[in-house]
Full PDB file with SEQRES, HELIX, SHEET, SSBOND, CRYST1, ORIGX, SCALE, CONECT and MASTER records, all heavy atoms in Angstrom:
SEQRES   1 A   39  CYS ALA ARG CYS ALA GLY GLY ASN ASN ALA GLY HIS THR          
SEQRES   2 A   39  ILE VAL VAL PRO ILE GLY PRO GLU LYS LYS LYS THR THR          
SEQRES   3 A   39  PHE ALA PHE HIS LEU LEU PRO SER GLY LEU ILE ASN PRO          
HELIX    1 AA1 SER A   34  ILE A   37  5                                   4    
SHEET    1 AA1 2 HIS A  12  ILE A  18  0                                        
SHEET    2 AA1 2 LYS A  23  PHE A  29 -1                                        
CRYST1    1.000    1.000    1.000  90.00  90.00  90.00 P 1           1          
ORIGX1      1.000000  0.000000  0.000000        0.00000                         
ORIGX2      0.000000  1.000000  0.000000        0.00000                         
ORIGX3      0.000000  0.000000  1.000000        0.00000                         
SCALE1      1.000000  0.000000  0.000000        0.00000                         
SCALE2      0.000000  1.000000  0.000000        0.00000                         
SCALE3      0.000000  0.000000  1.000000        0.00000                         
ATOM      1  N   CYS A   1      -9.931  18.693  -4.616  1.00  0.00           N  
ATOM      2  CA  CYS A   1      -8.946  17.635  -4.860  1.00  0.00           C  
ATOM      3  C   CYS A   1      -9.614  16.631  -5.780  1.00  0.00           C  
ATOM      4  O   CYS A   1     -10.659  16.072  -5.457  1.00  0.00           O  
ATOM      5  CB  CYS A   1      -8.473  17.008  -3.564  1.00  0.00           C  
ATOM      6  SG  CYS A   1      -7.273  15.678  -3.825  1.00  0.00           S  
ATOM      7  N   ALA A   2      -9.000  16.358  -6.924  1.00  0.00           N  
ATOM      8  CA  ALA A   2      -9.602  15.501  -7.947  1.00  0.00           C  
ATOM      9  C   ALA A   2      -8.750  14.282  -8.266  1.00  0.00           C  
ATOM     10  O   ALA A   2      -7.528  14.403  -8.366  1.00  0.00           O  
ATOM     11  CB  ALA A   2      -9.866  16.307  -9.227  1.00  0.00           C  
ATOM     12  N   ARG A   3      -9.407  13.134  -8.436  1.00  0.00           N  
ATOM     13  CA  ARG A   3      -8.778  11.944  -8.968  1.00  0.00           C  
ATOM     14  C   ARG A   3      -9.085  11.859 -10.481  1.00  0.00           C  
ATOM     15  O   ARG A   3     -10.234  12.136 -10.893  1.00  0.00           O  
ATOM     16  CB  ARG A   3      -9.354  10.681  -8.300  1.00  0.00           C  
ATOM     17  CG  ARG A   3      -8.805  10.327  -6.933  1.00  0.00           C  
ATOM     18  CD  ARG A   3      -7.485   9.570  -7.022  1.00  0.00           C  
ATOM     19  NE  ARG A   3      -7.540   8.433  -7.878  1.00  0.00           N  
ATOM     20  CZ  ARG A   3      -7.948   7.202  -7.537  1.00  0.00           C  
ATOM     21  NH1 ARG A   3      -8.358   6.999  -6.308  1.00  0.00           N  
ATOM     22  NH2 ARG A   3      -7.943   6.201  -8.412  1.00  0.00           N  
ATOM     23  N   CYS A   4      -8.090  11.516 -11.269  1.00  0.00           N  
ATOM     24  CA  CYS A   4      -8.258  11.549 -12.733  1.00  0.00           C  
ATOM     25  C   CYS A   4      -8.219  10.170 -13.384  1.00  0.00           C  
ATOM     26  O   CYS A   4      -8.636  10.055 -14.526  1.00  0.00           O  
ATOM     27  CB  CYS A   4      -7.208  12.455 -13.366  1.00  0.00           C  
ATOM     28  SG  CYS A   4      -5.498  11.909 -13.047  1.00  0.00           S  
ATOM     29  N   ALA A   5      -7.709   9.132 -12.732  1.00  0.00           N  
ATOM     30  CA  ALA A   5      -7.539   7.836 -13.356  1.00  0.00           C  
ATOM     31  C   ALA A   5      -7.454   6.750 -12.295  1.00  0.00           C  
ATOM     32  O   ALA A   5      -7.390   7.036 -11.104  1.00  0.00           O  
ATOM     33  CB  ALA A   5      -6.288   7.827 -14.223  1.00  0.00           C  
ATOM     34  N   GLY A   6      -7.478   5.489 -12.746  1.00  0.00           N  
ATOM     35  CA  GLY A   6      -7.378   4.366 -11.844  1.00  0.00           C  
ATOM     36  C   GLY A   6      -8.679   4.088 -11.153  1.00  0.00           C  
ATOM     37  O   GLY A   6      -9.743   4.586 -11.535  1.00  0.00           O  
ATOM     38  N   GLY A   7      -8.647   3.258 -10.147  1.00  0.00           N  
ATOM     39  CA  GLY A   7      -9.851   2.884  -9.403  1.00  0.00           C  
ATOM     40  C   GLY A   7      -9.487   2.605  -7.970  1.00  0.00           C  
ATOM     41  O   GLY A   7      -8.559   3.240  -7.409  1.00  0.00           O  
ATOM     42  N   ASN A   8     -10.145   1.630  -7.350  1.00  0.00           N  
ATOM     43  CA  ASN A   8      -9.816   1.298  -5.946  1.00  0.00           C  
ATOM     44  C   ASN A   8      -8.656   0.308  -5.882  1.00  0.00           C  
ATOM     45  O   ASN A   8      -8.465  -0.347  -4.861  1.00  0.00           O  
ATOM     46  CB  ASN A   8     -11.044   0.794  -5.188  1.00  0.00           C  
ATOM     47  CG  ASN A   8     -11.588  -0.493  -5.741  1.00  0.00           C  
ATOM     48  OD1 ASN A   8     -11.611  -0.706  -6.957  1.00  0.00           O  
ATOM     49  ND2 ASN A   8     -12.042  -1.377  -4.873  1.00  0.00           N  
ATOM     50  N   ASN A   9      -7.871   0.254  -6.966  1.00  0.00           N  
ATOM     51  CA  ASN A   9      -6.593  -0.473  -6.943  1.00  0.00           C  
ATOM     52  C   ASN A   9      -5.485   0.409  -6.375  1.00  0.00           C  
ATOM     53  O   ASN A   9      -4.393  -0.045  -6.056  1.00  0.00           O  
ATOM     54  CB  ASN A   9      -6.204  -0.949  -8.322  1.00  0.00           C  
ATOM     55  CG  ASN A   9      -6.075   0.177  -9.353  1.00  0.00           C  
ATOM     56  OD1 ASN A   9      -6.739   1.219  -9.223  1.00  0.00           O  
ATOM     57  ND2 ASN A   9      -5.256  -0.016 -10.367  1.00  0.00           N  
ATOM     58  N   ALA A  10      -5.762   1.723  -6.255  1.00  0.00           N  
ATOM     59  CA  ALA A  10      -4.806   2.629  -5.657  1.00  0.00           C  
ATOM     60  C   ALA A  10      -4.865   2.519  -4.137  1.00  0.00           C  
ATOM     61  O   ALA A  10      -5.883   2.054  -3.617  1.00  0.00           O  
ATOM     62  CB  ALA A  10      -5.088   4.075  -6.067  1.00  0.00           C  
ATOM     63  N   GLY A  11      -3.827   2.956  -3.465  1.00  0.00           N  
ATOM     64  CA  GLY A  11      -3.843   2.913  -2.005  1.00  0.00           C  
ATOM     65  C   GLY A  11      -2.981   3.994  -1.395  1.00  0.00           C  
ATOM     66  O   GLY A  11      -1.778   4.012  -1.619  1.00  0.00           O  
ATOM     67  N   HIS A  12      -3.591   4.914  -0.723  1.00  0.00           N  
ATOM     68  CA  HIS A  12      -2.847   6.012  -0.065  1.00  0.00           C  
ATOM     69  C   HIS A  12      -3.145   5.975   1.432  1.00  0.00           C  
ATOM     70  O   HIS A  12      -4.284   6.022   1.842  1.00  0.00           O  
ATOM     71  CB  HIS A  12      -3.273   7.382  -0.630  1.00  0.00           C  
ATOM     72  CG  HIS A  12      -2.980   7.519  -2.065  1.00  0.00           C  
ATOM     73  ND1 HIS A  12      -3.557   8.489  -2.871  1.00  0.00           N  
ATOM     74  CD2 HIS A  12      -2.164   6.844  -2.905  1.00  0.00           C  
ATOM     75  CE1 HIS A  12      -3.145   8.384  -4.098  1.00  0.00           C  
ATOM     76  NE2 HIS A  12      -2.257   7.376  -4.170  1.00  0.00           N  
ATOM     77  N   THR A  13      -2.067   5.872   2.232  1.00  0.00           N  
ATOM     78  CA  THR A  13      -2.223   5.829   3.679  1.00  0.00           C  
ATOM     79  C   THR A  13      -1.769   7.167   4.264  1.00  0.00           C  
ATOM     80  O   THR A  13      -0.695   7.683   3.967  1.00  0.00           O  
ATOM     81  CB  THR A  13      -1.374   4.695   4.281  1.00  0.00           C  
ATOM     82  OG1 THR A  13      -1.775   3.481   3.709  1.00  0.00           O  
ATOM     83  CG2 THR A  13      -1.558   4.617   5.772  1.00  0.00           C  
ATOM     84  N   ILE A  14      -2.643   7.739   5.126  1.00  0.00           N  
ATOM     85  CA  ILE A  14      -2.337   9.046   5.724  1.00  0.00           C  
ATOM     86  C   ILE A  14      -2.541   8.923   7.249  1.00  0.00           C  
ATOM     87  O   ILE A  14      -3.550   8.393   7.712  1.00  0.00           O  
ATOM     88  CB  ILE A  14      -3.231  10.113   5.172  1.00  0.00           C  
ATOM     89  CG1 ILE A  14      -3.036  10.257   3.676  1.00  0.00           C  
ATOM     90  CG2 ILE A  14      -2.977  11.464   5.844  1.00  0.00           C  
ATOM     91  CD1 ILE A  14      -4.016  11.187   2.990  1.00  0.00           C  
ATOM     92  N   VAL A  15      -1.572   9.435   8.013  1.00  0.00           N  
ATOM     93  CA  VAL A  15      -1.673   9.417   9.480  1.00  0.00           C  
ATOM     94  C   VAL A  15      -1.862  10.876   9.937  1.00  0.00           C  
ATOM     95  O   VAL A  15      -0.971  11.709   9.721  1.00  0.00           O  
ATOM     96  CB  VAL A  15      -0.426   8.830  10.121  1.00  0.00           C  
ATOM     97  CG1 VAL A  15      -0.566   8.802  11.656  1.00  0.00           C  
ATOM     98  CG2 VAL A  15      -0.168   7.404   9.596  1.00  0.00           C  
ATOM     99  N   VAL A  16      -3.036  11.200  10.531  1.00  0.00           N  
ATOM    100  CA  VAL A  16      -3.311  12.579  10.944  1.00  0.00           C  
ATOM    101  C   VAL A  16      -4.027  12.614  12.293  1.00  0.00           C  
ATOM    102  O   VAL A  16      -4.720  11.662  12.643  1.00  0.00           O  
ATOM    103  CB  VAL A  16      -4.163  13.330   9.908  1.00  0.00           C  
ATOM    104  CG1 VAL A  16      -3.440  13.520   8.607  1.00  0.00           C  
ATOM    105  CG2 VAL A  16      -5.467  12.572   9.667  1.00  0.00           C  
ATOM    106  N   PRO A  17      -3.859  13.717  13.043  1.00  0.00           N  
ATOM    107  CA  PRO A  17      -4.625  13.898  14.301  1.00  0.00           C  
ATOM    108  C   PRO A  17      -6.069  14.266  14.010  1.00  0.00           C  
ATOM    109  O   PRO A  17      -6.340  15.163  13.196  1.00  0.00           O  
ATOM    110  CB  PRO A  17      -3.844  15.005  14.991  1.00  0.00           C  
ATOM    111  CG  PRO A  17      -3.179  15.773  13.915  1.00  0.00           C  
ATOM    112  CD  PRO A  17      -2.928  14.824  12.799  1.00  0.00           C  
ATOM    113  N   ILE A  18      -6.996  13.606  14.690  1.00  0.00           N  
ATOM    114  CA  ILE A  18      -8.418  13.856  14.451  1.00  0.00           C  
ATOM    115  C   ILE A  18      -9.132  14.110  15.796  1.00  0.00           C  
ATOM    116  O   ILE A  18      -8.797  13.472  16.810  1.00  0.00           O  
ATOM    117  CB  ILE A  18      -9.060  12.629  13.766  1.00  0.00           C  
ATOM    118  CG1 ILE A  18      -8.610  12.545  12.299  1.00  0.00           C  
ATOM    119  CG2 ILE A  18     -10.589  12.691  13.778  1.00  0.00           C  
ATOM    120  CD1 ILE A  18      -9.153  13.624  11.396  1.00  0.00           C  
ATOM    121  N   GLY A  19     -10.099  14.993  15.782  1.00  0.00           N  
ATOM    122  CA  GLY A  19     -10.938  15.224  16.940  1.00  0.00           C  
ATOM    123  C   GLY A  19     -10.331  16.145  17.964  1.00  0.00           C  
ATOM    124  O   GLY A  19      -9.167  16.578  17.832  1.00  0.00           O  
ATOM    125  N   PRO A  20     -11.080  16.474  19.012  1.00  0.00           N  
ATOM    126  CA  PRO A  20     -10.622  17.408  20.070  1.00  0.00           C  
ATOM    127  C   PRO A  20      -9.358  16.904  20.753  1.00  0.00           C  
ATOM    128  O   PRO A  20      -8.512  17.723  21.180  1.00  0.00           O  
ATOM    129  CB  PRO A  20     -11.813  17.437  21.067  1.00  0.00           C  
ATOM    130  CG  PRO A  20     -12.990  16.950  20.293  1.00  0.00           C  
ATOM    131  CD  PRO A  20     -12.474  16.000  19.272  1.00  0.00           C  
ATOM    132  N   GLU A  21      -9.219  15.584  20.866  1.00  0.00           N  
ATOM    133  CA  GLU A  21      -8.037  15.043  21.531  1.00  0.00           C  
ATOM    134  C   GLU A  21      -6.819  14.914  20.619  1.00  0.00           C  
ATOM    135  O   GLU A  21      -5.762  14.520  21.046  1.00  0.00           O  
ATOM    136  CB  GLU A  21      -8.376  13.677  22.153  1.00  0.00           C  
ATOM    137  CG  GLU A  21      -9.463  13.731  23.215  1.00  0.00           C  
ATOM    138  CD  GLU A  21      -9.863  12.342  23.704  1.00  0.00           C  
ATOM    139  OE1 GLU A  21      -9.304  11.348  23.199  1.00  0.00           O  
ATOM    140  OE2 GLU A  21     -10.709  12.257  24.584  1.00  0.00           O  
ATOM    141  N   LYS A  22      -7.036  15.234  19.331  1.00  0.00           N  
ATOM    142  CA  LYS A  22      -5.987  15.158  18.310  1.00  0.00           C  
ATOM    143  C   LYS A  22      -5.316  13.775  18.309  1.00  0.00           C  
ATOM    144  O   LYS A  22      -4.078  13.636  18.257  1.00  0.00           O  
ATOM    145  CB  LYS A  22      -4.893  16.258  18.564  1.00  0.00           C  
ATOM    146  CG  LYS A  22      -5.433  17.694  18.462  1.00  0.00           C  
ATOM    147  CD  LYS A  22      -5.962  17.996  17.097  1.00  0.00           C  
ATOM    148  CE  LYS A  22      -6.477  19.428  16.968  1.00  0.00           C  
ATOM    149  NZ  LYS A  22      -7.072  19.713  15.656  1.00  0.00           N  
ATOM    150  N   LYS A  23      -6.150  12.769  18.369  1.00  0.00           N  
ATOM    151  CA  LYS A  23      -5.635  11.378  18.362  1.00  0.00           C  
ATOM    152  C   LYS A  23      -5.165  11.045  16.954  1.00  0.00           C  
ATOM    153  O   LYS A  23      -5.899  11.227  15.976  1.00  0.00           O  
ATOM    154  CB  LYS A  23      -6.748  10.421  18.769  1.00  0.00           C  
ATOM    155  CG  LYS A  23      -6.332   8.963  18.821  1.00  0.00           C  
ATOM    156  CD  LYS A  23      -7.493   8.070  19.152  1.00  0.00           C  
ATOM    157  CE  LYS A  23      -7.059   6.624  19.139  1.00  0.00           C  
ATOM    158  NZ  LYS A  23      -8.223   5.700  19.414  1.00  0.00           N  
ATOM    159  N   LYS A  24      -3.946  10.515  16.853  1.00  0.00           N  
ATOM    160  CA  LYS A  24      -3.395  10.134  15.562  1.00  0.00           C  
ATOM    161  C   LYS A  24      -4.206   8.976  14.962  1.00  0.00           C  
ATOM    162  O   LYS A  24      -4.318   7.924  15.600  1.00  0.00           O  
ATOM    163  CB  LYS A  24      -1.914   9.808  15.650  1.00  0.00           C  
ATOM    164  CG  LYS A  24      -1.021  11.005  15.813  1.00  0.00           C  
ATOM    165  CD  LYS A  24       0.441  10.690  15.644  1.00  0.00           C  
ATOM    166  CE  LYS A  24       1.315  11.926  15.737  1.00  0.00           C  
ATOM    167  NZ  LYS A  24       2.750  11.632  15.592  1.00  0.00           N  
ATOM    168  N   THR A  25      -4.720   9.200  13.774  1.00  0.00           N  
ATOM    169  CA  THR A  25      -5.562   8.202  13.140  1.00  0.00           C  
ATOM    170  C   THR A  25      -5.014   7.879  11.770  1.00  0.00           C  
ATOM    171  O   THR A  25      -4.616   8.767  11.010  1.00  0.00           O  
ATOM    172  CB  THR A  25      -6.991   8.726  13.007  1.00  0.00           C  
ATOM    173  OG1 THR A  25      -7.477   9.136  14.298  1.00  0.00           O  
ATOM    174  CG2 THR A  25      -7.954   7.690  12.446  1.00  0.00           C  
ATOM    175  N   THR A  26      -5.005   6.601  11.438  1.00  0.00           N  
ATOM    176  CA  THR A  26      -4.527   6.157  10.120  1.00  0.00           C  
ATOM    177  C   THR A  26      -5.700   5.988   9.154  1.00  0.00           C  
ATOM    178  O   THR A  26      -6.615   5.192   9.429  1.00  0.00           O  
ATOM    179  CB  THR A  26      -3.742   4.824  10.203  1.00  0.00           C  
ATOM    180  OG1 THR A  26      -2.625   5.017  11.062  1.00  0.00           O  
ATOM    181  CG2 THR A  26      -3.224   4.389   8.840  1.00  0.00           C  
ATOM    182  N   PHE A  27      -5.722   6.754   8.098  1.00  0.00           N  
ATOM    183  CA  PHE A  27      -6.768   6.637   7.074  1.00  0.00           C  
ATOM    184  C   PHE A  27      -6.190   5.946   5.821  1.00  0.00           C  
ATOM    185  O   PHE A  27      -5.119   6.316   5.350  1.00  0.00           O  
ATOM    186  CB  PHE A  27      -7.276   8.034   6.671  1.00  0.00           C  
ATOM    187  CG  PHE A  27      -8.021   8.732   7.795  1.00  0.00           C  
ATOM    188  CD1 PHE A  27      -7.380   9.628   8.614  1.00  0.00           C  
ATOM    189  CD2 PHE A  27      -9.370   8.468   7.971  1.00  0.00           C  
ATOM    190  CE1 PHE A  27      -8.050  10.274   9.643  1.00  0.00           C  
ATOM    191  CE2 PHE A  27     -10.075   9.126   8.986  1.00  0.00           C  
ATOM    192  CZ  PHE A  27      -9.414  10.024   9.830  1.00  0.00           C  
ATOM    193  N   ALA A  28      -6.945   4.979   5.306  1.00  0.00           N  
ATOM    194  CA  ALA A  28      -6.530   4.296   4.107  1.00  0.00           C  
ATOM    195  C   ALA A  28      -7.486   4.674   2.954  1.00  0.00           C  
ATOM    196  O   ALA A  28      -8.663   4.360   3.013  1.00  0.00           O  
ATOM    197  CB  ALA A  28      -6.541   2.773   4.328  1.00  0.00           C  
ATOM    198  N   PHE A  29      -6.949   5.403   1.992  1.00  0.00           N  
ATOM    199  CA  PHE A  29      -7.773   5.820   0.855  1.00  0.00           C  
ATOM    200  C   PHE A  29      -7.450   4.850  -0.363  1.00  0.00           C  
ATOM    201  O   PHE A  29      -6.322   4.480  -0.535  1.00  0.00           O  
ATOM    202  CB  PHE A  29      -7.379   7.235   0.403  1.00  0.00           C  
ATOM    203  CG  PHE A  29      -7.919   8.295   1.338  1.00  0.00           C  
ATOM    204  CD1 PHE A  29      -7.197   8.660   2.488  1.00  0.00           C  
ATOM    205  CD2 PHE A  29      -9.128   8.906   1.074  1.00  0.00           C  
ATOM    206  CE1 PHE A  29      -7.680   9.610   3.348  1.00  0.00           C  
ATOM    207  CE2 PHE A  29      -9.626   9.888   1.936  1.00  0.00           C  
ATOM    208  CZ  PHE A  29      -8.919  10.226   3.083  1.00  0.00           C  
ATOM    209  N   HIS A  30      -8.484   4.528  -1.077  1.00  0.00           N  
ATOM    210  CA  HIS A  30      -8.352   3.663  -2.249  1.00  0.00           C  
ATOM    211  C   HIS A  30      -8.923   4.335  -3.475  1.00  0.00           C  
ATOM    212  O   HIS A  30      -8.249   4.511  -4.490  1.00  0.00           O  
ATOM    213  CB  HIS A  30      -8.973   2.306  -1.990  1.00  0.00           C  
ATOM    214  CG  HIS A  30      -8.451   1.601  -0.790  1.00  0.00           C  
ATOM    215  ND1 HIS A  30      -7.276   0.925  -0.805  1.00  0.00           N  
ATOM    216  CD2 HIS A  30      -8.914   1.526   0.504  1.00  0.00           C  
ATOM    217  CE1 HIS A  30      -6.999   0.411   0.401  1.00  0.00           C  
ATOM    218  NE2 HIS A  30      -7.989   0.774   1.208  1.00  0.00           N  
ATOM    219  N   LEU A  31     -10.199   4.650  -3.425  1.00  0.00           N  
ATOM    220  CA  LEU A  31     -10.908   5.291  -4.537  1.00  0.00           C  
ATOM    221  C   LEU A  31     -11.121   6.775  -4.300  1.00  0.00           C  
ATOM    222  O   LEU A  31     -11.052   7.600  -5.213  1.00  0.00           O  
ATOM    223  CB  LEU A  31     -12.232   4.568  -4.747  1.00  0.00           C  
ATOM    224  CG  LEU A  31     -13.162   5.113  -5.838  1.00  0.00           C  
ATOM    225  CD1 LEU A  31     -12.483   4.952  -7.226  1.00  0.00           C  
ATOM    226  CD2 LEU A  31     -14.503   4.382  -5.841  1.00  0.00           C  
ATOM    227  N   LEU A  32     -11.368   7.156  -3.078  1.00  0.00           N  
ATOM    228  CA  LEU A  32     -11.682   8.538  -2.747  1.00  0.00           C  
ATOM    229  C   LEU A  32     -10.427   9.394  -2.681  1.00  0.00           C  
ATOM    230  O   LEU A  32      -9.348   8.914  -2.306  1.00  0.00           O  
ATOM    231  CB  LEU A  32     -12.400   8.637  -1.387  1.00  0.00           C  
ATOM    232  CG  LEU A  32     -13.919   8.411  -1.395  1.00  0.00           C  
ATOM    233  CD1 LEU A  32     -14.322   7.083  -2.040  1.00  0.00           C  
ATOM    234  CD2 LEU A  32     -14.465   8.465   0.038  1.00  0.00           C  
ATOM    235  N   PRO A  33     -10.517  10.682  -3.095  1.00  0.00           N  
ATOM    236  CA  PRO A  33      -9.357  11.552  -3.069  1.00  0.00           C  
ATOM    237  C   PRO A  33      -8.873  11.825  -1.669  1.00  0.00           C  
ATOM    238  O   PRO A  33      -9.654  12.042  -0.729  1.00  0.00           O  
ATOM    239  CB  PRO A  33      -9.885  12.883  -3.679  1.00  0.00           C  
ATOM    240  CG  PRO A  33     -11.119  12.483  -4.441  1.00  0.00           C  
ATOM    241  CD  PRO A  33     -11.703  11.319  -3.718  1.00  0.00           C  
ATOM    242  N   SER A  34      -7.535  11.762  -1.476  1.00  0.00           N  
ATOM    243  CA  SER A  34      -6.966  11.945  -0.139  1.00  0.00           C  
ATOM    244  C   SER A  34      -7.194  13.347   0.417  1.00  0.00           C  
ATOM    245  O   SER A  34      -7.138  13.554   1.638  1.00  0.00           O  
ATOM    246  CB  SER A  34      -5.452  11.674  -0.165  1.00  0.00           C  
ATOM    247  OG  SER A  34      -5.160  10.435  -0.753  1.00  0.00           O  
ATOM    248  N   GLY A  35      -7.442  14.295  -0.472  1.00  0.00           N  
ATOM    249  CA  GLY A  35      -7.625  15.659  -0.018  1.00  0.00           C  
ATOM    250  C   GLY A  35      -8.850  15.844   0.849  1.00  0.00           C  
ATOM    251  O   GLY A  35      -9.006  16.894   1.514  1.00  0.00           O  
ATOM    252  N   LEU A  36      -9.692  14.840   0.924  1.00  0.00           N  
ATOM    253  CA  LEU A  36     -10.871  14.911   1.820  1.00  0.00           C  
ATOM    254  C   LEU A  36     -10.497  15.031   3.306  1.00  0.00           C  
ATOM    255  O   LEU A  36     -11.324  15.404   4.116  1.00  0.00           O  
ATOM    256  CB  LEU A  36     -11.744  13.659   1.636  1.00  0.00           C  
ATOM    257  CG  LEU A  36     -12.568  13.586   0.335  1.00  0.00           C  
ATOM    258  CD1 LEU A  36     -13.154  12.198   0.156  1.00  0.00           C  
ATOM    259  CD2 LEU A  36     -13.676  14.654   0.291  1.00  0.00           C  
ATOM    260  N   ILE A  37      -9.258  14.746   3.625  1.00  0.00           N  
ATOM    261  CA  ILE A  37      -8.740  14.899   4.986  1.00  0.00           C  
ATOM    262  C   ILE A  37      -8.951  16.342   5.444  1.00  0.00           C  
ATOM    263  O   ILE A  37      -9.209  16.608   6.602  1.00  0.00           O  
ATOM    264  CB  ILE A  37      -7.244  14.520   5.076  1.00  0.00           C  
ATOM    265  CG1 ILE A  37      -7.098  13.008   4.983  1.00  0.00           C  
ATOM    266  CG2 ILE A  37      -6.618  15.035   6.317  1.00  0.00           C  
ATOM    267  CD1 ILE A  37      -7.469  12.221   6.231  1.00  0.00           C  
ATOM    268  N   ASN A  38      -8.799  17.292   4.481  1.00  0.00           N  
ATOM    269  CA  ASN A  38      -9.037  18.713   4.764  1.00  0.00           C  
ATOM    270  C   ASN A  38     -10.534  18.941   4.745  1.00  0.00           C  
ATOM    271  O   ASN A  38     -11.172  18.832   3.722  1.00  0.00           O  
ATOM    272  CB  ASN A  38      -8.335  19.578   3.752  1.00  0.00           C  
ATOM    273  CG  ASN A  38      -8.721  21.051   3.866  1.00  0.00           C  
ATOM    274  OD1 ASN A  38      -9.274  21.480   4.887  1.00  0.00           O  
ATOM    275  ND2 ASN A  38      -8.456  21.807   2.830  1.00  0.00           N  
ATOM    276  N   PRO A  39     -11.167  19.327   5.898  1.00  0.00           N  
ATOM    277  CA  PRO A  39     -12.606  19.466   5.960  1.00  0.00           C  
ATOM    278  C   PRO A  39     -13.161  20.588   5.091  1.00  0.00           C  
ATOM    279  O   PRO A  39     -14.347  20.658   4.839  1.00  0.00           O  
ATOM    280  CB  PRO A  39     -12.877  19.768   7.453  1.00  0.00           C  
ATOM    281  CG  PRO A  39     -11.585  20.232   7.997  1.00  0.00           C  
ATOM    282  CD  PRO A  39     -10.513  19.544   7.210  1.00  0.00           C  
TER     283      PRO A  39                                                      
MASTER        0    0    0    1    2    0    0    6  282    1    0    3          
END                                                                             
């Protein structure tokens, strides 16, 4: 997953289950590609 432009002025919010308990967690991406959610 690649970012092509902009900087940390961008903002992407993603709500996903994380860990063995599948606890819903809100991740705020600014500079890093959101695709990192996929391990």
